[in-house]
Amino acid sequence: MANMKGMAAGAAAGLAALLLLPCMTVGSMGGMIVNMGGAGQQQSSTQSAACEETQTGTVTPAAAAGSGTSNIPASSTADKLAAALAEAGYSKAAAAGVMGNIQAESGFDPTVQNAYGFSGLVQTKPDNYMSWFHDHGYGDDWRNEDGQISFIVDNVGKNEALWNNVYLETARSQGLAGVVDDSLFATWRHAADPENAALAFFHGYERANDSSWRTRQEYARTWYESDVFARLTWTGKVTEGESVSRASSGVSHTTAVACRPSSSSVSGGVRTGKAGDAPMGLGDYSWLCDTKLKLCHDGDPGFDPAAFTSARYQCWWYALNRLWLLHDGDIANTDFQAAAPDGAAGKISAGLASNAAWTVSETPQPGDGVAMLGGALGGTASIGHIAVVEEVTEQGGKWTIRISEGNFDPYGQGRWDRYNGRELSQDAFAGAGRVFFRKNSWK
């Protein structure tokens, strides 16, 4: 799941190939991006381990079972999954698309886990399984085979919020036909053949964006023509009444509205008010699922896939996406790159000071960005950290800000589950200088 093997593909969007290095700080994180010199250049092993979440590779089919077209892995788990998909009413083609992808992802081994923590049949994070298991009585072990089959059949197959269409055009370029409503989810559900179903599932849910799509299609065709599928009854009529809501799937998708500062006032040069409803505390980015960013699932890139390739779930990536959402798209990654050409996120405020289109200030406003080396944000002295000001309050003549941030992680790994929200006092910024920044066109 979301193995992102094609990390260099973002360069095709016109940006230099960049890599976010880990930030070794205590408490909260920063991020540094350095130029790699070209899309084809390989990352060092140290950088790759920190920044790239890759799958161990496409799984080769196990020994064949049966005869004729039944050249498929001899797997009781595969048999159970196929039967569950049929019983749930999925079409033969849609089910074959699922089977072909899972064969490539995990070889139908519910216990497999790669070096980056992606696990089980669909190679997602164990926490995703466990949320489902806890709500549906499958115990406390993510390796539970029946629980994972239920997760696939009753959640992945019925909850479109777990999918997105970032790679729709890529799928089309690879021959995807019969696209329904520009939706990879709908296209998979209504696919006329296993090849299209496999391609839609691959790009809509798995989102590995690597070269294994042909192999997945071949696996799907083999399953479609297998003796296992021939013994099952395929109606193509999924019982939608059994669909699982986002809340019951164990993932809370709090709607976050992109809004202008509300109830704002100015006192002593400080503008108080609230720019958005980002949550407090540590969590993942799925609270942004119902926004234009569509960050519903580990691997979703946000508005700029090239920036995601460069800065996967790092503080730079998060601040860029959050400010883009709050200010109706009035920011681009090139703004940050021009301000901090060496890639140190904490230098962005200082870099914007000489840009007439931007204002930098010692005092915050709702919807500002804030970037600094070391200091209150907790980044290193050389790389620093960047965050977004969600709210400014004032009491006793001093202000307090509520910030949202990405990569709140002492190891700087840019993980999906390292979103954070916290409060910081004015005293924490004593002597920091002009670290708050805003674009003059922001309202």
Protein backbone atom coordinates (compact mmCIF):
# COMPACT_ATOMS: atom_id res chain seq x y z
CA MET A 1 0.00 0.00 0.00
CA ALA A 2 1.24 3.47 -0.88
CA ASN A 3 4.76 2.24 -1.45
CA MET A 4 5.63 5.25 -3.65
CA LYS A 5 8.30 3.43 -5.67
CA GLY A 6 8.32 6.15 -8.32
CA MET A 7 9.72 8.88 -6.09
CA ALA A 8 11.44 10.68 -8.96
CA ALA A 9 8.32 11.00 -11.08
CA GLY A 10 7.52 14.45 -9.66
CA ALA A 11 10.30 16.02 -11.68
CA ALA A 12 8.15 15.67 -14.74
CA ALA A 13 5.91 18.36 -13.31
CA GLY A 14 8.67 20.89 -13.89
CA LEU A 15 10.31 20.98 -10.47
CA ALA A 16 13.84 19.95 -9.69
CA ALA A 17 14.15 16.52 -8.15
CA LEU A 18 14.44 17.13 -4.43
CA LEU A 19 14.81 15.06 -1.32
CA LEU A 20 13.79 15.92 2.21
CA LEU A 21 16.43 14.92 4.71
CA PRO A 22 15.54 13.74 8.21
CA CYS A 23 15.56 16.26 11.04
CA MET A 24 17.18 15.01 14.22
CA THR A 25 15.59 17.28 16.80
CA VAL A 26 13.91 16.82 20.15
CA GLY A 27 10.23 17.60 20.52
CA SER A 28 9.26 18.75 17.05
CA MET A 29 10.61 18.57 13.56
CA GLY A 30 11.93 20.64 10.76
CA GLY A 31 12.84 19.68 7.26
CA MET A 32 15.55 20.24 4.69
CA ILE A 33 15.32 19.78 0.97
CA VAL A 34 18.43 19.44 -1.15
CA ASN A 35 18.76 19.32 -4.90
CA MET A 36 19.47 15.80 -6.13
CA GLY A 37 20.54 16.98 -9.56
CA GLY A 38 18.03 15.06 -11.65
CA ALA A 39 15.03 12.80 -11.60
CA GLY A 40 17.04 9.70 -12.32
CA GLN A 41 19.56 10.12 -9.52
CA GLN A 42 19.32 7.55 -6.75
CA GLN A 43 19.02 8.39 -3.08
CA SER A 44 21.57 7.18 -0.59
CA SER A 45 20.48 4.31 1.62
CA THR A 46 20.36 6.55 4.69
CA GLN A 47 18.14 9.11 2.99
CA SER A 48 15.89 6.47 1.50
CA ALA A 49 15.23 4.85 4.85
CA ALA A 50 14.13 8.15 6.33
CA CYS A 51 12.15 9.61 3.47
CA GLU A 52 10.86 6.93 1.15
CA GLU A 53 8.32 4.26 2.02
CA THR A 54 8.86 1.44 -0.44
CA GLN A 55 7.44 -2.01 -0.68
CA THR A 56 9.78 -4.97 -0.66
CA GLY A 57 8.84 -5.77 -4.24
CA THR A 58 6.35 -7.58 -6.41
CA VAL A 59 5.63 -11.04 -5.10
CA THR A 60 6.22 -13.94 -7.48
CA PRO A 61 3.30 -16.37 -7.64
CA ALA A 62 3.61 -19.44 -5.46
CA ALA A 63 3.35 -22.96 -6.79
CA ALA A 64 0.36 -23.44 -9.03
CA ALA A 65 -2.79 -25.02 -7.67
CA GLY A 66 -5.11 -27.06 -9.79
CA SER A 67 -4.70 -27.19 -13.54
CA GLY A 68 -5.43 -25.33 -16.75
CA THR A 69 -6.10 -21.66 -16.02
CA SER A 70 -5.69 -22.15 -12.27
CA ASN A 71 -2.05 -21.06 -12.30
CA ILE A 72 -2.45 -19.17 -9.03
CA PRO A 73 -0.86 -19.25 -5.57
CA ALA A 74 -1.85 -22.20 -3.41
CA SER A 75 -3.25 -20.08 -0.58
CA SER A 76 -6.16 -20.72 1.75
CA THR A 77 -6.21 -16.98 2.47
CA ALA A 78 -6.66 -16.25 -1.22
CA ASP A 79 -9.49 -18.77 -1.43
CA LYS A 80 -11.23 -17.19 1.57
CA LEU A 81 -10.86 -13.70 0.14
CA ALA A 82 -12.22 -14.74 -3.25
CA ALA A 83 -15.23 -16.40 -1.59
CA ALA A 84 -15.85 -13.31 0.56
CA LEU A 85 -15.74 -11.00 -2.46
CA ALA A 86 -18.24 -13.19 -4.29
CA GLU A 87 -20.55 -13.45 -1.29
CA ALA A 88 -20.48 -9.67 -0.85
CA GLY A 89 -21.74 -9.25 -4.42
CA TYR A 90 -18.71 -7.85 -6.21
CA SER A 91 -18.42 -8.55 -9.92
CA LYS A 92 -16.03 -11.19 -11.15
CA ALA A 93 -13.89 -8.55 -12.85
CA ALA A 94 -13.74 -6.26 -9.80
CA ALA A 95 -12.81 -9.15 -7.54
CA ALA A 96 -10.10 -10.30 -9.93
CA GLY A 97 -8.67 -6.78 -9.87
CA VAL A 98 -8.44 -6.96 -6.08
CA MET A 99 -6.85 -10.41 -6.15
CA GLY A 100 -4.24 -9.39 -8.71
CA ASN A 101 -3.20 -6.41 -6.64
CA ILE A 102 -3.00 -8.32 -3.38
CA GLN A 103 -0.94 -11.04 -5.02
CA ALA A 104 1.55 -8.34 -6.01
CA GLU A 105 1.39 -6.54 -2.67
CA SER A 106 1.72 -9.41 -0.21
CA GLY A 107 1.43 -12.79 -1.92
CA PHE A 108 -1.72 -13.29 0.23
CA ASP A 109 0.34 -13.42 3.42
CA PRO A 110 -1.57 -11.51 6.16
CA THR A 111 1.51 -11.51 8.42
CA VAL A 112 4.06 -9.96 6.04
CA GLN A 113 5.51 -6.56 6.96
CA ASN A 114 8.09 -4.59 5.01
CA ALA A 115 10.94 -2.48 6.34
CA TYR A 116 8.77 0.64 6.44
CA GLY A 117 5.92 -0.85 8.42
CA PHE A 118 3.43 -1.51 5.61
CA SER A 119 1.75 -4.74 6.51
CA GLY A 120 -0.68 -7.50 5.68
CA LEU A 121 -2.66 -8.27 2.56
CA VAL A 122 -2.97 -4.76 1.14
CA GLN A 123 0.26 -3.45 2.71
CA THR A 124 -1.22 -0.67 4.81
CA LYS A 125 -0.20 0.44 8.29
CA PRO A 126 -1.20 -1.89 11.17
CA ASP A 127 -3.10 0.98 12.82
CA ASN A 128 -5.50 1.04 9.88
CA TYR A 129 -6.31 -2.63 10.41
CA MET A 130 -6.57 -2.20 14.15
CA SER A 131 -9.09 0.64 13.93
CA TRP A 132 -11.29 -1.64 11.87
CA PHE A 133 -10.67 -4.67 14.09
CA HIS A 134 -11.60 -2.82 17.28
CA ASP A 135 -14.88 -1.63 15.78
CA HIS A 136 -15.79 -5.04 14.36
CA GLY A 137 -14.62 -7.55 16.94
CA TYR A 138 -11.45 -8.93 15.35
CA GLY A 139 -9.18 -8.64 18.38
CA ASP A 140 -5.87 -6.92 18.98
CA ASP A 141 -3.53 -8.54 16.44
CA TRP A 142 -3.25 -6.86 13.04
CA ARG A 143 -2.23 -10.25 11.55
CA ASN A 144 -5.78 -11.56 11.96
CA GLU A 145 -6.63 -13.08 8.57
CA ASP A 146 -10.41 -12.83 8.91
CA GLY A 147 -10.13 -9.24 10.09
CA GLN A 148 -8.02 -8.25 7.10
CA ILE A 149 -10.42 -9.93 4.69
CA SER A 150 -13.27 -7.97 6.29
CA PHE A 151 -11.21 -4.78 6.05
CA ILE A 152 -10.84 -5.34 2.29
CA VAL A 153 -14.34 -6.56 1.49
CA ASP A 154 -16.41 -4.32 3.76
CA ASN A 155 -14.22 -1.23 4.04
CA VAL A 156 -11.82 -0.78 1.12
CA GLY A 157 -14.42 -2.03 -1.36
CA LYS A 158 -17.26 0.12 -0.05
CA ASN A 159 -15.68 3.24 1.42
CA GLU A 160 -14.73 5.58 -1.42
CA ALA A 161 -13.11 7.95 1.10
CA LEU A 162 -10.15 5.56 1.23
CA TRP A 163 -9.54 6.11 -2.48
CA ASN A 164 -8.55 9.11 -4.57
CA ASN A 165 -8.04 10.06 -8.22
CA VAL A 166 -4.57 11.62 -8.14
CA TYR A 167 -3.29 9.02 -10.61
CA LEU A 168 -6.36 8.95 -12.86
CA GLU A 169 -4.55 10.45 -15.82
CA THR A 170 -1.64 8.08 -15.29
CA ALA A 171 -4.09 5.19 -15.37
CA ARG A 172 -5.62 6.51 -18.58
CA SER A 173 -2.18 6.77 -20.15
CA GLN A 174 -1.66 3.11 -19.29
CA GLY A 175 -4.84 2.12 -21.09
CA LEU A 176 -7.60 2.41 -18.50
CA ALA A 177 -10.93 2.24 -20.33
CA GLY A 178 -14.53 2.68 -19.28
CA VAL A 179 -13.82 5.44 -16.76
CA VAL A 180 -16.95 6.20 -14.71
CA ASP A 181 -17.50 9.77 -13.47
CA ASP A 182 -13.73 10.41 -13.38
CA SER A 183 -13.65 8.10 -10.36
CA LEU A 184 -11.19 5.22 -10.02
CA PHE A 185 -13.39 3.73 -7.31
CA ALA A 186 -16.47 3.70 -9.55
CA THR A 187 -14.41 2.51 -12.50
CA TRP A 188 -13.10 -0.44 -10.48
CA ARG A 189 -16.57 -1.37 -9.25
CA HIS A 190 -18.00 -1.30 -12.80
CA ALA A 191 -15.00 -2.60 -14.74
CA ALA A 192 -15.88 -4.86 -17.65
CA ASP A 193 -12.67 -6.88 -17.47
CA PRO A 194 -10.02 -7.79 -14.88
CA GLU A 195 -7.29 -5.69 -16.49
CA ASN A 196 -9.22 -2.45 -16.09
CA ALA A 197 -10.30 -3.45 -12.59
CA ALA A 198 -6.71 -4.15 -11.57
CA LEU A 199 -5.47 -0.85 -12.99
CA ALA A 200 -8.22 1.16 -11.28
CA PHE A 201 -7.63 -0.55 -7.92
CA PHE A 202 -3.88 -0.08 -8.26
CA HIS A 203 -4.04 3.66 -8.96
CA GLY A 204 -7.13 4.48 -6.87
CA TYR A 205 -6.44 2.55 -3.67
CA GLU A 206 -2.93 1.11 -3.59
CA ARG A 207 -1.36 4.16 -5.23
CA ALA A 208 2.12 2.63 -5.49
CA ASN A 209 2.81 4.58 -8.72
CA ASP A 210 5.44 2.08 -9.85
CA SER A 211 5.94 -0.16 -12.87
CA SER A 212 4.15 -3.22 -11.44
CA TRP A 213 0.78 -2.39 -12.99
CA ARG A 214 1.18 -4.80 -15.90
CA THR A 215 2.07 -7.65 -13.56
CA ARG A 216 -1.01 -6.88 -11.46
CA GLN A 217 -3.16 -7.00 -14.58
CA GLU A 218 -1.67 -10.35 -15.53
CA TYR A 219 -2.35 -11.74 -12.06
CA ALA A 220 -5.92 -10.40 -12.24
CA ARG A 221 -6.54 -12.14 -15.58
CA THR A 222 -5.20 -15.40 -14.16
CA TRP A 223 -7.58 -15.19 -11.23
CA TYR A 224 -10.48 -14.26 -13.50
CA GLU A 225 -9.94 -17.44 -15.52
CA SER A 226 -9.08 -19.65 -12.53
CA ASP A 227 -10.88 -22.72 -11.26
CA VAL A 228 -11.31 -20.94 -7.93
CA PHE A 229 -13.37 -18.18 -9.55
CA ALA A 230 -15.21 -20.68 -11.74
CA ARG A 231 -16.60 -22.39 -8.63
CA LEU A 232 -18.02 -19.16 -7.21
CA THR A 233 -21.21 -17.26 -8.06
CA TRP A 234 -20.66 -13.67 -9.17
CA THR A 235 -23.69 -11.35 -9.08
CA GLY A 236 -22.04 -7.94 -9.41
CA LYS A 237 -24.63 -6.58 -6.98
CA VAL A 238 -22.88 -5.28 -3.89
CA THR A 239 -25.13 -4.78 -0.88
CA GLU A 240 -24.59 -1.09 -0.40
CA GLY A 241 -26.56 -1.09 2.84
CA GLU A 242 -23.58 -2.77 4.43
CA SER A 243 -21.23 0.03 3.44
CA VAL A 244 -19.17 1.35 6.30
CA SER A 245 -19.21 5.00 7.16
CA ARG A 246 -15.97 6.86 7.65
CA ALA A 247 -16.58 7.16 11.35
CA SER A 248 -17.22 3.45 11.87
CA SER A 249 -14.14 2.56 9.86
CA GLY A 250 -12.09 3.79 12.78
CA VAL A 251 -10.78 6.93 11.08
CA SER A 252 -12.16 10.24 12.18
CA HIS A 253 -12.49 12.62 9.23
CA THR A 254 -13.22 15.97 10.84
CA THR A 255 -14.27 18.42 8.18
CA ALA A 256 -11.80 21.28 8.11
CA VAL A 257 -13.17 24.31 6.31
CA ALA A 258 -10.79 26.61 4.51
CA CYS A 259 -11.90 29.88 5.99
CA ARG A 260 -10.81 33.43 6.44
CA PRO A 261 -9.85 34.63 9.93
CA SER A 262 -13.05 34.87 11.93
CA SER A 263 -13.97 37.16 14.79
CA SER A 264 -10.66 38.92 14.35
CA SER A 265 -9.60 42.02 16.16
CA VAL A 266 -6.44 44.09 16.34
CA SER A 267 -4.89 45.08 19.64
CA GLY A 268 -1.39 46.40 20.14
CA GLY A 269 -0.44 45.40 16.60
CA VAL A 270 -1.56 41.80 17.10
CA ARG A 271 -4.46 40.47 15.06
CA THR A 272 -6.42 37.87 17.00
CA GLY A 273 -8.85 35.36 15.56
CA LYS A 274 -9.02 31.94 13.99
CA ALA A 275 -8.06 30.85 10.47
CA GLY A 276 -9.09 27.21 10.59
CA ASP A 277 -10.12 24.22 12.67
CA ALA A 278 -7.02 22.05 12.64
CA PRO A 279 -7.11 19.61 15.59
CA MET A 280 -4.86 19.74 18.61
CA GLY A 281 -2.49 16.94 19.55
CA LEU A 282 -0.72 14.19 17.66
CA GLY A 283 -2.49 12.27 14.90
CA ASP A 284 -2.53 11.65 11.16
CA TYR A 285 -3.57 13.80 8.23
CA SER A 286 -6.96 12.15 7.63
CA TRP A 287 -8.72 15.12 9.24
CA LEU A 288 -8.07 16.78 5.86
CA CYS A 289 -9.96 14.09 3.97
CA ASP A 290 -13.08 16.19 3.38
CA THR A 291 -11.16 19.19 2.06
CA LYS A 292 -9.86 19.97 -1.40
CA LEU A 293 -6.61 18.26 -0.41
CA LYS A 294 -8.34 14.86 -0.12
CA LEU A 295 -5.80 13.52 2.38
CA CYS A 296 -7.76 10.42 3.35
CA HIS A 297 -5.17 7.69 3.24
CA ASP A 298 -1.47 7.16 3.73
CA GLY A 299 0.09 7.98 0.35
CA ASP A 300 -2.28 10.79 -0.64
CA PRO A 301 -0.04 13.61 -1.91
CA GLY A 302 -2.02 16.83 -1.46
CA PHE A 303 -2.38 19.49 -4.14
CA ASP A 304 1.13 19.17 -5.61
CA PRO A 305 2.33 15.58 -6.28
CA ALA A 306 5.80 16.87 -7.18
CA ALA A 307 6.16 18.59 -3.82
CA PHE A 308 4.97 15.38 -2.17
CA THR A 309 7.69 13.46 -3.98
CA SER A 310 10.22 15.95 -2.65
CA ALA A 311 8.92 16.33 0.88
CA ARG A 312 6.72 13.39 1.77
CA TYR A 313 4.75 14.30 4.95
CA GLN A 314 7.54 16.58 6.16
CA CYS A 315 6.96 19.96 7.79
CA TRP A 316 7.68 21.77 4.48
CA TRP A 317 5.04 19.67 2.67
CA TYR A 318 2.45 20.17 5.39
CA ALA A 319 2.84 23.94 5.69
CA LEU A 320 2.64 24.31 1.91
CA ASN A 321 -0.57 22.28 1.72
CA ARG A 322 -2.22 23.87 4.75
CA LEU A 323 -1.50 27.41 3.56
CA TRP A 324 -2.73 26.47 0.08
CA LEU A 325 -6.00 25.30 1.63
CA LEU A 326 -6.47 28.27 3.94
CA HIS A 327 -5.73 30.84 1.23
CA ASP A 328 -7.62 29.41 -1.73
CA GLY A 329 -4.56 28.14 -3.56
CA ASP A 330 -2.63 31.40 -3.38
CA ILE A 331 0.78 29.78 -2.78
CA ALA A 332 3.11 27.45 -4.67
CA ASN A 333 6.09 25.32 -3.79
CA THR A 334 8.25 27.70 -5.84
CA ASP A 335 7.54 30.40 -3.22
CA PHE A 336 9.22 28.25 -0.58
CA GLN A 337 12.01 27.13 -2.89
CA ALA A 338 12.92 30.70 -3.79
CA ALA A 339 12.96 31.69 -0.11
CA ALA A 340 15.08 28.74 1.01
CA PRO A 341 17.08 27.50 -1.98
CA ASP A 342 19.27 25.34 0.27
CA GLY A 343 16.14 23.53 1.43
CA ALA A 344 16.19 24.49 5.11
CA ALA A 345 12.56 25.03 6.06
CA GLY A 346 13.46 27.22 9.01
CA LYS A 347 14.96 29.83 6.66
CA ILE A 348 11.77 30.50 4.70
CA SER A 349 10.69 33.54 6.75
CA ALA A 350 14.08 35.19 6.36
CA GLY A 351 14.11 34.39 2.67
CA LEU A 352 10.72 35.99 2.09
CA ALA A 353 11.77 39.24 3.80
CA SER A 354 13.29 40.56 0.58
CA ASN A 355 10.26 39.63 -1.54
CA ALA A 356 7.89 42.58 -2.05
CA ALA A 357 4.94 40.21 -2.42
CA TRP A 358 5.34 39.02 1.16
CA THR A 359 5.34 40.50 4.66
CA VAL A 360 7.36 39.09 7.55
CA SER A 361 6.63 40.16 11.09
CA GLU A 362 7.50 39.65 14.75
CA THR A 363 3.80 39.38 15.57
CA PRO A 364 1.41 36.68 14.32
CA GLN A 365 -1.86 36.80 12.46
CA PRO A 366 -4.31 33.92 11.93
CA GLY A 367 -3.38 32.08 8.75
CA ASP A 368 0.31 33.03 8.86
CA GLY A 369 3.16 30.69 8.28
CA VAL A 370 5.92 30.61 10.88
CA ALA A 371 9.44 29.37 10.21
CA MET A 372 12.61 29.56 12.24
CA LEU A 373 15.90 27.87 13.02
CA GLY A 374 15.84 26.33 16.48
CA GLY A 375 13.84 28.26 19.06
CA ALA A 376 10.18 27.86 19.97
CA LEU A 377 9.27 25.51 17.13
CA GLY A 378 11.91 22.99 18.21
CA GLY A 379 13.74 22.42 14.94
CA THR A 380 17.49 22.20 14.63
CA ALA A 381 19.70 25.28 14.40
CA SER A 382 20.68 24.46 10.82
CA ILE A 383 17.47 23.07 9.31
CA GLY A 384 14.73 24.45 11.52
CA HIS A 385 11.00 23.92 11.30
CA ILE A 386 7.91 25.47 9.71
CA ALA A 387 4.29 25.50 10.88
CA VAL A 388 0.99 27.29 10.32
CA VAL A 389 -0.74 29.71 12.70
CA GLU A 390 -4.31 28.48 13.12
CA GLU A 391 -5.42 30.86 15.87
CA VAL A 392 -4.18 33.89 17.79
CA THR A 393 -5.56 34.83 21.20
CA GLU A 394 -4.52 37.58 23.62
CA GLN A 395 -4.75 37.83 27.37
CA GLY A 396 -3.03 40.14 29.80
CA GLY A 397 -1.31 42.01 27.00
CA LYS A 398 0.40 38.90 25.60
CA TRP A 399 -0.56 36.71 22.70
CA THR A 400 -0.74 32.92 22.38
CA ILE A 401 -0.82 31.07 19.09
CA ARG A 402 -2.22 27.68 18.19
CA ILE A 403 -0.17 26.09 15.43
CA SER A 404 -0.57 23.04 13.21
CA GLU A 405 2.49 21.25 11.87
CA GLY A 406 3.77 18.21 10.03
CA ASN A 407 6.61 15.82 10.84
CA PHE A 408 6.36 16.14 14.62
CA ASP A 409 8.87 13.33 15.03
CA PRO A 410 12.30 13.14 16.68
CA TYR A 411 13.57 10.99 13.81
CA GLY A 412 12.40 13.18 10.93
CA GLN A 413 10.87 10.31 8.97
CA GLY A 414 7.97 12.22 7.44
CA ARG A 415 5.33 9.74 8.56
CA TRP A 416 1.59 9.85 7.82
CA ASP A 417 0.82 9.76 11.54
CA ARG A 418 3.00 12.69 12.62
CA TYR A 419 0.60 15.60 12.27
CA ASN A 420 0.47 17.74 15.40
CA GLY A 421 -1.33 20.76 16.86
CA ARG A 422 -0.14 22.70 19.90
CA GLU A 423 -0.07 26.14 21.57
CA LEU A 424 2.92 28.42 22.01
CA SER A 425 3.20 31.57 24.10
CA GLN A 426 4.61 34.97 23.15
CA ASP A 427 7.40 34.46 25.66
CA ALA A 428 8.58 31.40 23.73
CA PHE A 429 9.34 33.70 20.77
CA ALA A 430 11.32 36.29 22.74
CA GLY A 431 14.19 37.46 20.56
CA ALA A 432 13.11 35.32 17.60
CA GLY A 433 12.69 38.29 15.29
CA ARG A 434 10.52 38.34 12.18
CA VAL A 435 9.55 34.69 11.87
CA PHE A 436 5.85 35.05 10.91
CA PHE A 437 5.12 35.43 7.21
CA ARG A 438 2.08 36.14 5.05
CA LYS A 439 1.48 36.91 1.40
CA ASN A 440 0.18 40.40 0.75
CA SER A 441 -2.59 39.04 -1.48
CA TRP A 442 -4.01 36.90 1.34
CA LYS A 443 -7.16 38.42 2.74
